[in-house]
Amino acid sequence: MNEYKIKKYYITLTAINVVIAVILAFLPSELEISERLTLAIKVNILFHLIYQMISRIFIWVYEQATKDHPNGLRFAIKFFTAFAIAIMILPLLSAVFVLKSAFFEQEYQHLFNLIFLSGIVLGGYSMKSKFKAKLTPRTTS
């Protein structure tokens, strides 16, 4: 998947997250409506921050670490790619517990966690694709 498709998924997830946040803000809860709307805004901001941080900061760390030591390039790329895969798997596992908590214990406000978990997964995928692009040699024609 290229950067264009990842950006398309990011925009789609952003729209879905806004809709989910608005719906969850108006579900019955112990919190007042202003507190729920504030929480919805904070969670959406967290979604964007997490995605941007994960998709960019590890590329920056890689570039800084390999600037002085070009011999470890392939190992560093493979390490960060494996790390990106772990970043994508762990939120999926925690989503199971969030869904269990939301539906079995009827604590629907925990569904807000799915919003930023999707940002973690998408950020990890973006990071993985960037490192994969660095690993594959470029051909010029």
Protein backbone atom coordinates (compact mmCIF):
# COMPACT_ATOMS: atom_id res chain seq x y z
CA MET A 1 0.00 0.00 0.00
CA ASN A 2 1.41 3.36 -0.95
CA GLU A 3 1.31 6.67 0.88
CA TYR A 4 -1.72 7.83 -1.12
CA LYS A 5 -3.83 4.90 0.09
CA ILE A 6 -2.64 5.34 3.67
CA LYS A 7 -3.60 9.03 3.50
CA LYS A 8 -6.99 8.00 2.09
CA TYR A 9 -7.53 5.59 5.00
CA TYR A 10 -6.42 8.31 7.41
CA ILE A 11 -9.03 10.72 6.06
CA THR A 12 -11.70 8.00 6.08
CA LEU A 13 -10.85 7.02 9.67
CA THR A 14 -10.93 10.68 10.65
CA ALA A 15 -14.47 11.02 9.31
CA ILE A 16 -15.55 7.77 10.99
CA ASN A 17 -13.96 8.89 14.25
CA VAL A 18 -15.81 12.20 14.20
CA VAL A 19 -19.12 10.39 13.63
CA ILE A 20 -18.39 7.86 16.39
CA ALA A 21 -17.34 10.63 18.77
CA VAL A 22 -20.54 12.57 18.15
CA ILE A 23 -22.71 9.46 18.59
CA LEU A 24 -20.91 8.41 21.77
CA ALA A 25 -21.10 11.94 23.12
CA PHE A 26 -24.89 11.80 23.00
CA LEU A 27 -25.32 8.29 24.45
CA PRO A 28 -26.63 8.16 28.01
CA SER A 29 -23.84 8.43 30.54
CA GLU A 30 -23.08 9.71 34.02
CA LEU A 31 -21.15 12.60 32.50
CA GLU A 32 -22.76 15.87 31.47
CA ILE A 33 -23.07 16.65 27.76
CA SER A 34 -20.33 19.30 27.87
CA GLU A 35 -17.92 16.83 29.48
CA ARG A 36 -18.74 14.19 26.86
CA LEU A 37 -18.21 16.63 24.00
CA THR A 38 -14.92 17.74 25.51
CA LEU A 39 -13.90 14.10 25.81
CA ALA A 40 -14.86 13.47 22.16
CA ILE A 41 -12.69 16.39 21.03
CA LYS A 42 -9.76 15.26 23.15
CA VAL A 43 -9.97 11.71 21.84
CA ASN A 44 -10.03 12.91 18.23
CA ILE A 45 -7.01 15.13 18.85
CA LEU A 46 -5.28 12.14 20.44
CA PHE A 47 -6.06 10.06 17.33
CA HIS A 48 -4.30 12.60 15.11
CA LEU A 49 -1.33 13.03 17.46
CA ILE A 50 -0.77 9.30 17.84
CA TYR A 51 -0.97 8.67 14.11
CA GLN A 52 1.41 11.52 13.28
CA MET A 53 3.84 10.59 16.04
CA ILE A 54 4.05 6.89 15.23
CA SER A 55 4.22 7.38 11.48
CA ARG A 56 7.00 9.99 11.72
CA ILE A 57 9.05 9.82 14.91
CA PHE A 58 10.56 6.38 14.33
CA ILE A 59 11.64 7.39 10.81
CA TRP A 60 13.37 10.39 12.39
CA VAL A 61 15.01 8.15 15.05
CA TYR A 62 16.19 5.79 12.31
CA GLU A 63 17.67 8.63 10.28
CA GLN A 64 19.43 10.09 13.31
CA ALA A 65 20.77 6.70 14.45
CA THR A 66 22.06 5.66 11.06
CA LYS A 67 23.50 9.04 10.10
CA ASP A 68 26.81 8.25 11.81
CA HIS A 69 26.65 4.44 11.48
CA PRO A 70 25.64 3.46 7.95
CA ASN A 71 26.68 -0.17 8.52
CA GLY A 72 23.60 -0.98 10.60
CA LEU A 73 21.06 0.18 8.03
CA ARG A 74 19.50 -3.19 7.13
CA PHE A 75 19.31 -4.36 10.75
CA ALA A 76 17.76 -1.07 11.87
CA ILE A 77 15.17 -1.20 9.11
CA LYS A 78 14.26 -4.80 9.96
CA PHE A 79 14.09 -3.94 13.67
CA PHE A 80 11.80 -0.96 13.11
CA THR A 81 9.65 -2.97 10.69
CA ALA A 82 9.19 -5.68 13.34
CA PHE A 83 8.44 -2.95 15.87
CA ALA A 84 5.81 -1.50 13.51
CA ILE A 85 4.16 -4.91 13.23
CA ALA A 86 4.05 -5.15 17.03
CA ILE A 87 2.58 -1.65 17.16
CA MET A 88 -0.20 -2.83 14.84
CA ILE A 89 -0.94 -6.11 16.67
CA LEU A 90 -1.09 -4.87 20.27
CA PRO A 91 -3.91 -2.33 19.74
CA LEU A 92 -5.95 -5.00 17.96
CA LEU A 93 -5.60 -7.22 21.02
CA SER A 94 -6.55 -4.40 23.35
CA ALA A 95 -9.57 -3.63 21.15
CA VAL A 96 -10.96 -7.03 22.11
CA PHE A 97 -10.86 -6.04 25.79
CA VAL A 98 -12.38 -2.65 25.03
CA LEU A 99 -15.27 -4.26 23.17
CA LYS A 100 -15.75 -6.79 25.98
CA SER A 101 -15.85 -4.02 28.55
CA ALA A 102 -18.22 -1.92 26.46
CA PHE A 103 -20.78 -4.55 25.62
CA PHE A 104 -20.70 -7.03 28.49
CA GLU A 105 -20.38 -4.44 31.25
CA GLN A 106 -22.40 -1.83 29.33
CA GLU A 107 -19.76 0.84 29.69
CA TYR A 108 -20.11 2.39 26.26
CA GLN A 109 -17.79 5.30 26.97
CA HIS A 110 -14.92 2.80 26.64
CA LEU A 111 -15.66 2.73 22.91
CA PHE A 112 -13.81 6.05 22.71
CA ASN A 113 -10.63 3.99 23.10
CA LEU A 114 -11.24 2.40 19.71
CA ILE A 115 -10.74 5.79 18.10
CA PHE A 116 -7.15 6.26 19.13
CA LEU A 117 -6.40 2.54 18.85
CA SER A 118 -7.22 2.88 15.15
CA GLY A 119 -4.73 5.76 15.00
CA ILE A 120 -2.06 3.53 16.50
CA VAL A 121 -2.73 0.76 13.99
CA LEU A 122 -2.74 3.13 11.01
CA GLY A 123 0.39 4.91 12.26
CA GLY A 124 2.14 1.56 12.65
CA TYR A 125 1.14 0.57 9.14
CA SER A 126 2.38 3.87 7.77
CA MET A 127 5.67 3.38 9.59
CA LYS A 128 6.00 -0.17 8.28
CA SER A 129 5.40 0.92 4.70
CA LYS A 130 7.98 3.72 4.99
CA PHE A 131 10.61 1.30 6.29
CA LYS A 132 9.69 -1.24 3.64
CA ALA A 133 10.23 1.45 1.01
CA LYS A 134 13.68 2.15 2.50
CA LEU A 135 14.52 -1.57 2.44
CA THR A 136 13.63 -2.17 -1.20
CA PRO A 137 16.23 -0.78 -3.57
CA ARG A 138 15.07 1.87 -5.98
CA THR A 139 15.44 1.18 -9.64
CA THR A 140 15.89 3.95 -12.14
CA SER A 141 14.78 3.59 -15.71
